[in-house]
């Protein structure tokens, strides 16, 4: 996504295209809320890196990636209309 500058344009469009017309506003609003929560990640990673060292940030990143994969696998299949 080009270091994030196009994420605000592409991600909402992508979410609205994957959902039905009735579900698109809900998906886009959930995506907007997720971006707000994710904005705290740099602060969390920095504090963990300062406390436990640089390799701990990689372990944390792997744990977040695994947790994200598990959550996405539980969402289920979205039918494209």
Protein backbone atom coordinates (compact mmCIF):
# COMPACT_ATOMS: atom_id res chain seq x y z
CA UNK A 1 0.00 0.00 0.00
CA UNK A 2 2.94 2.34 -0.45
CA UNK A 3 3.82 2.82 3.23
CA UNK A 4 0.20 3.54 4.11
CA UNK A 5 -0.56 6.69 2.16
CA UNK A 6 -3.03 4.91 -0.14
CA UNK A 7 -4.55 2.69 2.53
CA UNK A 8 -7.18 5.29 3.33
CA UNK A 9 -8.35 5.17 -0.28
CA UNK A 10 -7.97 1.49 -1.18
CA UNK A 11 -9.03 -0.33 1.97
CA UNK A 12 -12.55 1.15 2.30
CA UNK A 13 -13.21 0.59 -1.41
CA UNK A 14 -11.96 -2.99 -1.16
CA UNK A 15 -14.14 -3.69 1.89
CA UNK A 16 -17.22 -2.18 0.25
CA UNK A 17 -16.69 -4.18 -2.95
CA UNK A 18 -16.39 -7.47 -1.08
CA UNK A 19 -19.59 -6.93 0.88
CA UNK A 20 -23.17 -6.80 -0.24
CA UNK A 21 -24.79 -3.39 -0.56
CA UNK A 22 -26.52 -3.81 2.80
CA UNK A 23 -23.34 -4.90 4.65
CA UNK A 24 -20.86 -2.45 3.08
CA UNK A 25 -21.42 0.43 5.54
CA UNK A 26 -20.89 -1.91 8.49
CA UNK A 27 -17.66 -3.32 7.00
CA UNK A 28 -16.27 0.13 6.26
CA UNK A 29 -17.11 1.37 9.77
CA UNK A 30 -15.41 -1.68 11.32
CA UNK A 31 -12.37 -1.01 9.15
CA UNK A 32 -12.27 2.60 10.35
CA UNK A 33 -12.45 1.48 13.99
CA UNK A 34 -9.68 -1.05 13.42
CA UNK A 35 -7.40 1.70 12.11
CA UNK A 36 -7.99 3.71 15.29
CA UNK A 37 -7.09 0.77 17.51
CA UNK A 38 -4.04 -0.08 15.37
CA UNK A 39 -2.67 3.43 15.84
CA UNK A 40 -1.57 2.41 19.35
CA UNK A 41 0.65 -0.41 18.04
CA UNK A 42 3.82 1.71 17.61
CA UNK A 43 3.65 2.84 21.23
CA UNK A 44 3.17 -0.73 22.46
CA UNK A 45 6.00 -2.11 20.32
CA UNK A 46 8.37 0.68 21.38
CA UNK A 47 7.69 0.14 25.07
CA UNK A 48 8.18 -3.63 24.73
CA UNK A 49 11.40 -3.07 22.76
CA UNK A 50 12.75 -0.71 25.42
CA UNK A 51 11.87 -3.08 28.23
CA UNK A 52 12.76 -6.50 26.73
CA UNK A 53 15.12 -5.69 23.85
CA UNK A 54 14.94 -5.52 20.08
CA UNK A 55 14.35 -9.26 19.41
CA UNK A 56 11.20 -9.09 21.53
CA UNK A 57 9.61 -6.78 18.95
CA UNK A 58 9.98 -9.52 16.31
CA UNK A 59 8.42 -12.10 18.63
CA UNK A 60 5.56 -9.69 19.29
CA UNK A 61 5.12 -9.15 15.55
CA UNK A 62 4.95 -12.90 14.94
CA UNK A 63 2.38 -13.28 17.72
CA UNK A 64 0.25 -10.50 16.23
CA UNK A 65 0.50 -12.09 12.77
CA UNK A 66 -0.57 -15.49 14.11
CA UNK A 67 -3.44 -13.94 16.07
CA UNK A 68 -4.54 -12.04 12.97
CA UNK A 69 -4.46 -15.20 10.86
CA UNK A 70 -6.55 -17.05 13.45
CA UNK A 71 -9.11 -14.23 13.60
CA UNK A 72 -9.36 -14.00 9.81
CA UNK A 73 -9.83 -17.77 9.54
CA UNK A 74 -12.77 -17.54 11.97
CA UNK A 75 -14.58 -14.83 10.01
CA UNK A 76 -15.80 -17.24 7.39
CA UNK A 77 -16.26 -16.86 3.71
CA UNK A 78 -17.59 -13.60 2.31
CA UNK A 79 -19.60 -14.00 -0.86
CA UNK A 80 -18.84 -11.46 -3.55
CA UNK A 81 -22.00 -10.19 -5.17
